[in-house]
Amino acid sequence: MRRFPVSRILIASVAAFALAGPAMAWQSGSSSTKGKHCYDVEVQKPKEVKDEHKITGTVAGGLVGGLLGNQVGGGSGKKIATAAGAVGGAFAGRKIQDNQQKKTETVIERRCD
């Protein structure tokens, strides 16, 4: 019994998929069967929002702002700078997450007449 190296099996698999690719692409293109005309359309949709209240951005921004504010000043000024950094960072983090959640994504939809 002859053993085939893994590389030959891999090459044979890639070749089989490459040959099947044009046939699969032909089937997924525009078609008109039984009076229907189908086509693909690019559609802009809003991205799914997982953190509606923007808690992640607010907390992360607050932590980073607090850490940066803690590096400034000394004594009671250091406490004020830490608090101001935390508040400013929380606001900035919330706005950054809000901007990221407003982005859209392009999807391909199949439509038939």
N, C-alpha and C. Protein backbone atom coordinates (compact mmCIF):
# COMPACT_ATOMS: atom_id res chain seq x y z
N MET A 1 0.85 -1.18 0.00
CA MET A 1 0.00 0.00 0.00
C MET A 1 0.89 1.24 0.00
N ARG A 2 0.60 2.15 -0.90
CA ARG A 2 1.42 3.34 -1.04
C ARG A 2 0.82 4.48 -0.22
N ARG A 3 1.67 5.20 0.51
CA ARG A 3 1.22 6.33 1.34
C ARG A 3 1.51 7.63 0.61
N PHE A 4 0.53 8.54 0.59
CA PHE A 4 0.71 9.84 -0.03
C PHE A 4 1.11 10.86 1.02
N PRO A 5 2.09 11.70 0.73
CA PRO A 5 2.44 12.75 1.68
C PRO A 5 1.29 13.76 1.81
N VAL A 6 1.25 14.39 2.95
CA VAL A 6 0.20 15.36 3.23
C VAL A 6 0.19 16.49 2.20
N SER A 7 1.36 16.89 1.73
CA SER A 7 1.43 17.99 0.77
C SER A 7 0.72 17.64 -0.53
N ARG A 8 0.81 16.39 -0.99
CA ARG A 8 0.11 16.00 -2.22
C ARG A 8 -1.40 16.00 -2.02
N ILE A 9 -1.83 15.56 -0.86
CA ILE A 9 -3.27 15.56 -0.57
C ILE A 9 -3.78 17.00 -0.51
N LEU A 10 -3.00 17.88 0.09
CA LEU A 10 -3.38 19.29 0.19
C LEU A 10 -3.46 19.93 -1.19
N ILE A 11 -2.47 19.66 -2.04
CA ILE A 11 -2.47 20.21 -3.39
C ILE A 11 -3.66 19.69 -4.19
N ALA A 12 -3.96 18.40 -4.04
CA ALA A 12 -5.10 17.82 -4.75
C ALA A 12 -6.41 18.45 -4.27
N SER A 13 -6.52 18.72 -2.98
CA SER A 13 -7.74 19.35 -2.44
C SER A 13 -7.90 20.77 -2.97
N VAL A 14 -6.81 21.52 -2.98
CA VAL A 14 -6.87 22.90 -3.48
C VAL A 14 -7.24 22.90 -4.96
N ALA A 15 -6.67 21.98 -5.72
CA ALA A 15 -6.99 21.90 -7.15
C ALA A 15 -8.46 21.56 -7.37
N ALA A 16 -9.00 20.66 -6.57
CA ALA A 16 -10.41 20.29 -6.71
C ALA A 16 -11.32 21.48 -6.41
N PHE A 17 -11.00 22.25 -5.38
CA PHE A 17 -11.81 23.43 -5.06
C PHE A 17 -11.65 24.50 -6.13
N ALA A 18 -10.46 24.63 -6.68
CA ALA A 18 -10.23 25.64 -7.73
C ALA A 18 -11.05 25.30 -8.97
N LEU A 19 -11.13 24.03 -9.29
CA LEU A 19 -11.91 23.63 -10.46
C LEU A 19 -13.41 23.77 -10.21
N ALA A 20 -13.84 23.55 -8.98
CA ALA A 20 -15.25 23.67 -8.65
C ALA A 20 -15.66 25.12 -8.47
N GLY A 21 -14.70 26.00 -8.21
CA GLY A 21 -15.00 27.42 -7.97
C GLY A 21 -15.77 28.09 -9.07
N PRO A 22 -15.36 28.00 -10.37
CA PRO A 22 -16.11 28.66 -11.43
C PRO A 22 -17.55 28.16 -11.54
N ALA A 23 -17.77 26.88 -11.31
CA ALA A 23 -19.13 26.36 -11.38
C ALA A 23 -19.98 26.92 -10.25
N MET A 24 -19.37 27.06 -9.07
CA MET A 24 -20.10 27.61 -7.93
C MET A 24 -20.37 29.09 -8.14
N ALA A 25 -19.42 29.83 -8.70
CA ALA A 25 -19.61 31.26 -8.95
C ALA A 25 -20.70 31.47 -9.99
N TRP A 26 -20.77 30.59 -10.98
CA TRP A 26 -21.78 30.72 -12.02
C TRP A 26 -23.17 30.58 -11.41
N GLN A 27 -23.32 29.68 -10.45
CA GLN A 27 -24.62 29.46 -9.84
C GLN A 27 -25.02 30.60 -8.91
N SER A 28 -24.05 31.29 -8.32
CA SER A 28 -24.38 32.34 -7.36
C SER A 28 -24.60 33.69 -8.02
N GLY A 29 -24.38 33.83 -9.32
CA GLY A 29 -24.57 35.10 -10.02
C GLY A 29 -26.03 35.38 -10.27
N SER A 30 -26.30 36.32 -11.17
CA SER A 30 -27.67 36.64 -11.52
C SER A 30 -28.32 35.45 -12.19
N SER A 31 -29.55 35.20 -11.87
CA SER A 31 -30.25 34.06 -12.46
C SER A 31 -31.69 34.46 -12.74
N SER A 32 -32.27 33.81 -13.68
CA SER A 32 -33.69 34.03 -13.93
C SER A 32 -34.32 32.66 -14.14
N THR A 33 -34.92 32.17 -13.08
CA THR A 33 -35.60 30.90 -13.15
C THR A 33 -37.06 31.13 -12.84
N LYS A 34 -37.92 30.55 -13.67
CA LYS A 34 -39.37 30.65 -13.48
C LYS A 34 -39.83 32.10 -13.43
N GLY A 35 -39.31 32.95 -14.29
CA GLY A 35 -39.78 34.33 -14.39
C GLY A 35 -39.19 35.28 -13.37
N LYS A 36 -38.33 34.81 -12.47
CA LYS A 36 -37.73 35.68 -11.48
C LYS A 36 -36.34 36.09 -11.93
N HIS A 37 -36.04 37.35 -11.71
CA HIS A 37 -34.70 37.86 -11.99
C HIS A 37 -34.07 38.20 -10.65
N CYS A 38 -32.98 37.51 -10.30
CA CYS A 38 -32.31 37.74 -9.02
C CYS A 38 -30.97 38.43 -9.25
N TYR A 39 -30.62 39.29 -8.32
CA TYR A 39 -29.37 40.03 -8.42
C TYR A 39 -28.89 40.38 -7.02
N ASP A 40 -27.59 40.66 -6.91
CA ASP A 40 -26.98 41.03 -5.64
C ASP A 40 -26.87 42.54 -5.54
N VAL A 41 -27.16 43.08 -4.35
CA VAL A 41 -27.12 44.52 -4.12
C VAL A 41 -26.31 44.79 -2.86
N GLU A 42 -25.41 45.78 -2.94
CA GLU A 42 -24.68 46.22 -1.75
C GLU A 42 -25.57 47.16 -0.95
N VAL A 43 -25.71 46.88 0.35
CA VAL A 43 -26.60 47.66 1.21
C VAL A 43 -25.80 48.13 2.43
N GLN A 44 -25.94 49.41 2.79
CA GLN A 44 -25.33 49.95 4.00
C GLN A 44 -26.28 49.73 5.16
N LYS A 45 -25.81 49.06 6.20
CA LYS A 45 -26.63 48.81 7.39
C LYS A 45 -25.85 49.26 8.62
N PRO A 46 -26.55 49.75 9.64
CA PRO A 46 -25.83 50.09 10.88
C PRO A 46 -25.31 48.83 11.54
N LYS A 47 -24.13 48.96 12.15
CA LYS A 47 -23.55 47.82 12.85
C LYS A 47 -24.40 47.50 14.08
N GLU A 48 -24.35 46.25 14.48
CA GLU A 48 -25.09 45.81 15.67
C GLU A 48 -24.46 46.44 16.91
N VAL A 49 -25.27 47.04 17.76
CA VAL A 49 -24.80 47.69 18.98
C VAL A 49 -24.92 46.68 20.12
N LYS A 50 -23.78 46.36 20.72
CA LYS A 50 -23.77 45.39 21.82
C LYS A 50 -23.82 46.07 23.18
N ASP A 51 -23.28 47.27 23.27
CA ASP A 51 -23.24 48.01 24.54
C ASP A 51 -24.01 49.31 24.35
N GLU A 52 -25.33 49.22 24.44
CA GLU A 52 -26.20 50.35 24.13
C GLU A 52 -25.95 51.56 25.04
N HIS A 53 -25.59 51.32 26.28
CA HIS A 53 -25.42 52.42 27.23
C HIS A 53 -23.97 52.93 27.29
N LYS A 54 -23.11 52.37 26.45
CA LYS A 54 -21.71 52.82 26.32
C LYS A 54 -20.94 52.73 27.64
N ILE A 55 -21.21 51.69 28.40
CA ILE A 55 -20.57 51.50 29.70
C ILE A 55 -19.08 51.19 29.52
N THR A 56 -18.75 50.37 28.53
CA THR A 56 -17.35 49.99 28.33
C THR A 56 -16.48 51.21 28.03
N GLY A 57 -16.92 52.05 27.11
CA GLY A 57 -16.14 53.24 26.76
C GLY A 57 -16.03 54.21 27.93
N THR A 58 -17.11 54.36 28.68
CA THR A 58 -17.11 55.28 29.82
C THR A 58 -16.13 54.81 30.90
N VAL A 59 -16.19 53.52 31.23
CA VAL A 59 -15.32 52.99 32.28
C VAL A 59 -13.86 53.00 31.84
N ALA A 60 -13.59 52.56 30.62
CA ALA A 60 -12.21 52.53 30.13
C ALA A 60 -11.63 53.94 30.06
N GLY A 61 -12.41 54.88 29.56
CA GLY A 61 -11.95 56.26 29.49
C GLY A 61 -11.71 56.85 30.87
N GLY A 62 -12.59 56.54 31.81
CA GLY A 62 -12.42 57.02 33.18
C GLY A 62 -11.15 56.49 33.83
N LEU A 63 -10.87 55.21 33.60
CA LEU A 63 -9.65 54.62 34.17
C LEU A 63 -8.40 55.25 33.57
N VAL A 64 -8.38 55.37 32.26
CA VAL A 64 -7.20 55.96 31.61
C VAL A 64 -7.04 57.42 32.02
N GLY A 65 -8.15 58.17 32.04
CA GLY A 65 -8.08 59.58 32.44
C GLY A 65 -7.64 59.74 33.88
N GLY A 66 -8.13 58.87 34.76
CA GLY A 66 -7.71 58.92 36.17
C GLY A 66 -6.24 58.62 36.34
N LEU A 67 -5.76 57.62 35.60
CA LEU A 67 -4.33 57.29 35.67
C LEU A 67 -3.46 58.43 35.16
N LEU A 68 -3.88 59.05 34.06
CA LEU A 68 -3.12 60.18 33.54
C LEU A 68 -3.19 61.39 34.47
N GLY A 69 -4.37 61.64 35.01
CA GLY A 69 -4.51 62.77 35.94
C GLY A 69 -3.71 62.58 37.21
N ASN A 70 -3.51 61.33 37.61
CA ASN A 70 -2.75 61.04 38.82
C ASN A 70 -1.26 61.35 38.64
N GLN A 71 -0.81 61.47 37.41
CA GLN A 71 0.59 61.77 37.14
C GLN A 71 0.89 63.26 37.27
N VAL A 72 -0.14 64.07 37.43
CA VAL A 72 0.02 65.52 37.45
C VAL A 72 -0.12 66.04 38.88
N GLY A 73 0.67 67.01 39.22
CA GLY A 73 0.53 67.73 40.49
C GLY A 73 1.01 66.94 41.68
N GLY A 74 0.76 67.53 42.85
CA GLY A 74 1.15 66.90 44.11
C GLY A 74 0.19 67.34 45.22
N GLY A 75 0.10 66.57 46.28
CA GLY A 75 -0.78 66.90 47.41
C GLY A 75 -2.23 66.85 47.01
N SER A 76 -2.99 67.90 47.43
CA SER A 76 -4.42 67.93 47.11
C SER A 76 -4.64 68.21 45.62
N GLY A 77 -3.67 68.84 44.97
CA GLY A 77 -3.76 69.08 43.53
C GLY A 77 -3.74 67.78 42.74
N LYS A 78 -3.05 66.79 43.28
CA LYS A 78 -2.97 65.49 42.62
C LYS A 78 -4.35 64.82 42.66
N LYS A 79 -5.05 64.95 43.80
CA LYS A 79 -6.39 64.36 43.92
C LYS A 79 -7.37 65.03 42.97
N ILE A 80 -7.26 66.35 42.87
CA ILE A 80 -8.15 67.09 41.96
C ILE A 80 -7.84 66.71 40.52
N ALA A 81 -6.56 66.61 40.17
CA ALA A 81 -6.18 66.24 38.80
C ALA A 81 -6.64 64.82 38.47
N THR A 82 -6.56 63.90 39.45
CA THR A 82 -7.02 62.53 39.23
C THR A 82 -8.52 62.50 38.98
N ALA A 83 -9.28 63.23 39.80
CA ALA A 83 -10.73 63.27 39.63
C ALA A 83 -11.11 63.92 38.30
N ALA A 84 -10.45 65.03 37.97
CA ALA A 84 -10.76 65.71 36.71
C ALA A 84 -10.38 64.82 35.52
N GLY A 85 -9.26 64.11 35.62
CA GLY A 85 -8.85 63.20 34.56
C GLY A 85 -9.83 62.06 34.38
N ALA A 86 -10.35 61.55 35.49
CA ALA A 86 -11.32 60.45 35.42
C ALA A 86 -12.62 60.92 34.77
N VAL A 87 -13.09 62.10 35.13
CA VAL A 87 -14.33 62.63 34.54
C VAL A 87 -14.13 62.93 33.06
N GLY A 88 -13.03 63.61 32.75
CA GLY A 88 -12.76 63.93 31.35
C GLY A 88 -12.54 62.68 30.51
N GLY A 89 -11.84 61.72 31.06
CA GLY A 89 -11.60 60.47 30.34
C GLY A 89 -12.88 59.68 30.12
N ALA A 90 -13.76 59.68 31.13
CA ALA A 90 -15.04 58.98 30.98
C ALA A 90 -15.87 59.62 29.88
N PHE A 91 -15.88 60.94 29.83
CA PHE A 91 -16.63 61.64 28.78
C PHE A 91 -16.04 61.33 27.40
N ALA A 92 -14.71 61.40 27.31
CA ALA A 92 -14.04 61.13 26.02
C ALA A 92 -14.26 59.68 25.59
N GLY A 93 -14.14 58.73 26.51
CA GLY A 93 -14.35 57.33 26.18
C GLY A 93 -15.76 57.05 25.71
N ARG A 94 -16.72 57.70 26.33
CA ARG A 94 -18.13 57.54 25.93
C ARG A 94 -18.35 58.08 24.51
N LYS A 95 -17.77 59.25 24.21
CA LYS A 95 -17.92 59.83 22.87
C LYS A 95 -17.23 58.96 21.81
N ILE A 96 -16.06 58.42 22.13
CA ILE A 96 -15.35 57.56 21.18
C ILE A 96 -16.20 56.32 20.88
N GLN A 97 -16.75 55.70 21.92
CA GLN A 97 -17.58 54.51 21.70
C GLN A 97 -18.84 54.88 20.92
N ASP A 98 -19.41 56.04 21.19
CA ASP A 98 -20.60 56.48 20.47
C ASP A 98 -20.30 56.63 18.98
N ASN A 99 -19.16 57.23 18.64
CA ASN A 99 -18.77 57.38 17.24
C ASN A 99 -18.54 56.03 16.57
N GLN A 100 -17.95 55.09 17.29
CA GLN A 100 -17.71 53.76 16.74
C GLN A 100 -19.03 53.02 16.48
N GLN A 101 -20.01 53.23 17.34
CA GLN A 101 -21.29 52.53 17.19
C GLN A 101 -22.14 53.12 16.07
N LYS A 102 -21.85 54.33 15.63
CA LYS A 102 -22.62 54.96 14.56
C LYS A 102 -22.15 54.52 13.18
N LYS A 103 -21.06 53.78 13.09
CA LYS A 103 -20.54 53.35 11.80
C LYS A 103 -21.47 52.32 11.17
N THR A 104 -21.39 52.23 9.85
CA THR A 104 -22.20 51.27 9.11
C THR A 104 -21.30 50.23 8.48
N GLU A 105 -21.91 49.14 8.04
CA GLU A 105 -21.18 48.10 7.33
C GLU A 105 -21.90 47.81 6.03
N THR A 106 -21.13 47.38 5.04
CA THR A 106 -21.70 47.05 3.74
C THR A 106 -21.93 45.55 3.68
N VAL A 107 -23.16 45.16 3.35
CA VAL A 107 -23.49 43.75 3.20
C VAL A 107 -24.08 43.54 1.81
N ILE A 108 -23.98 42.33 1.33
CA ILE A 108 -24.54 41.96 0.02
C ILE A 108 -25.86 41.24 0.27
N GLU A 109 -26.92 41.74 -0.34
CA GLU A 109 -28.24 41.12 -0.22
C GLU A 109 -28.68 40.62 -1.59
N ARG A 110 -29.33 39.49 -1.61
CA ARG A 110 -29.88 38.95 -2.85
C ARG A 110 -31.33 39.41 -2.95
N ARG A 111 -31.67 40.00 -4.07
CA ARG A 111 -33.04 40.47 -4.32
C ARG A 111 -33.55 39.85 -5.60
N CYS A 112 -34.81 39.51 -5.60
CA CYS A 112 -35.43 38.90 -6.78
C CYS A 112 -36.68 39.69 -7.15
N ASP A 113 -36.86 39.89 -8.47
CA ASP A 113 -38.04 40.60 -8.99
C ASP A 113 -39.14 39.61 -9.29
